[in-house]
């Protein structure tokens, strides 16, 4: 569930930011989304979860490192 949220949250927030006319609200949406995304990545470091057989998305150590770097940037 976390991986799906990590994937869909930025996509949904960018779509919402595209529809909003106010620059201040658009910036707030993107900052809040980035903060929540970083929090979810930090949560993955604490408890990566067990891999589900047949899952499309899994967390491996290198992927978690890259995801962390991208989320911080």
Protein backbone atom coordinates (compact mmCIF):
# COMPACT_ATOMS: atom_id res chain seq x y z
CA UNK A 1 0.00 0.00 0.00
CA UNK A 2 2.87 2.36 0.82
CA UNK A 3 4.50 1.85 -2.56
CA UNK A 4 1.25 2.53 -4.36
CA UNK A 5 0.79 5.71 -2.32
CA UNK A 6 4.39 6.75 -3.06
CA UNK A 7 3.65 6.38 -6.75
CA UNK A 8 0.16 7.86 -6.98
CA UNK A 9 0.49 10.74 -4.50
CA UNK A 10 2.86 12.87 -6.62
CA UNK A 11 0.87 12.12 -9.77
CA UNK A 12 -2.43 13.15 -8.16
CA UNK A 13 -0.91 16.25 -6.57
CA UNK A 14 0.63 17.39 -9.84
CA UNK A 15 -2.74 16.99 -11.57
CA UNK A 16 -4.40 18.99 -8.82
CA UNK A 17 -1.72 21.69 -8.99
CA UNK A 18 -2.26 21.92 -12.72
CA UNK A 19 -5.95 22.65 -12.21
CA UNK A 20 -5.48 25.27 -9.48
CA UNK A 21 -5.25 28.88 -10.63
CA UNK A 22 -3.73 30.42 -7.49
CA UNK A 23 0.06 30.40 -7.45
CA UNK A 24 0.14 30.40 -3.65
CA UNK A 25 -2.21 27.40 -3.39
CA UNK A 26 -0.35 25.56 -6.15
CA UNK A 27 2.95 26.05 -4.32
CA UNK A 28 1.39 24.90 -1.05
CA UNK A 29 0.05 21.73 -2.68
CA UNK A 30 3.47 20.86 -4.07
CA UNK A 31 5.31 21.58 -0.81
CA UNK A 32 2.86 19.55 1.27
CA UNK A 33 3.04 16.69 -1.22
CA UNK A 34 6.85 16.71 -1.18
CA UNK A 35 6.85 16.67 2.63
CA UNK A 36 4.40 13.78 2.82
CA UNK A 37 6.39 11.90 0.16
CA UNK A 38 9.61 12.35 2.14
CA UNK A 39 7.84 11.15 5.28
CA UNK A 40 6.65 8.02 3.50
CA UNK A 41 10.18 7.35 2.25
CA UNK A 42 11.53 7.74 5.79
CA UNK A 43 8.88 5.32 6.99
CA UNK A 44 10.09 2.80 4.40
CA UNK A 45 13.59 3.04 5.86
CA UNK A 46 12.18 2.07 9.27
CA UNK A 47 9.97 -0.79 8.14
CA UNK A 48 10.49 -1.80 4.51
CA UNK A 49 7.76 -4.44 4.66
CA UNK A 50 7.84 -7.97 3.38
CA UNK A 51 7.82 -8.65 -0.36
CA UNK A 52 4.53 -9.99 -1.67
CA UNK A 53 4.81 -12.78 -4.25
CA UNK A 54 3.80 -11.51 -7.68
CA UNK A 55 3.98 -7.87 -6.67
CA UNK A 56 4.90 -5.34 -9.34
CA UNK A 57 6.61 -2.95 -6.96
CA UNK A 58 9.10 -3.99 -4.29
CA UNK A 59 11.62 -2.07 -2.22
CA UNK A 60 15.25 -3.06 -2.56
CA UNK A 61 18.19 -1.30 -0.87
CA UNK A 62 19.44 0.47 -4.01
CA UNK A 63 15.95 1.55 -5.00
CA UNK A 64 15.33 2.91 -1.52
CA UNK A 65 18.57 4.90 -1.68
CA UNK A 66 17.68 6.39 -5.08
CA UNK A 67 14.12 7.12 -3.96
CA UNK A 68 15.47 8.90 -0.89
CA UNK A 69 17.83 11.04 -2.95
CA UNK A 70 15.11 11.96 -5.43
CA UNK A 71 12.67 12.76 -2.65
CA UNK A 72 15.17 15.03 -0.90
CA UNK A 73 15.97 16.89 -4.11
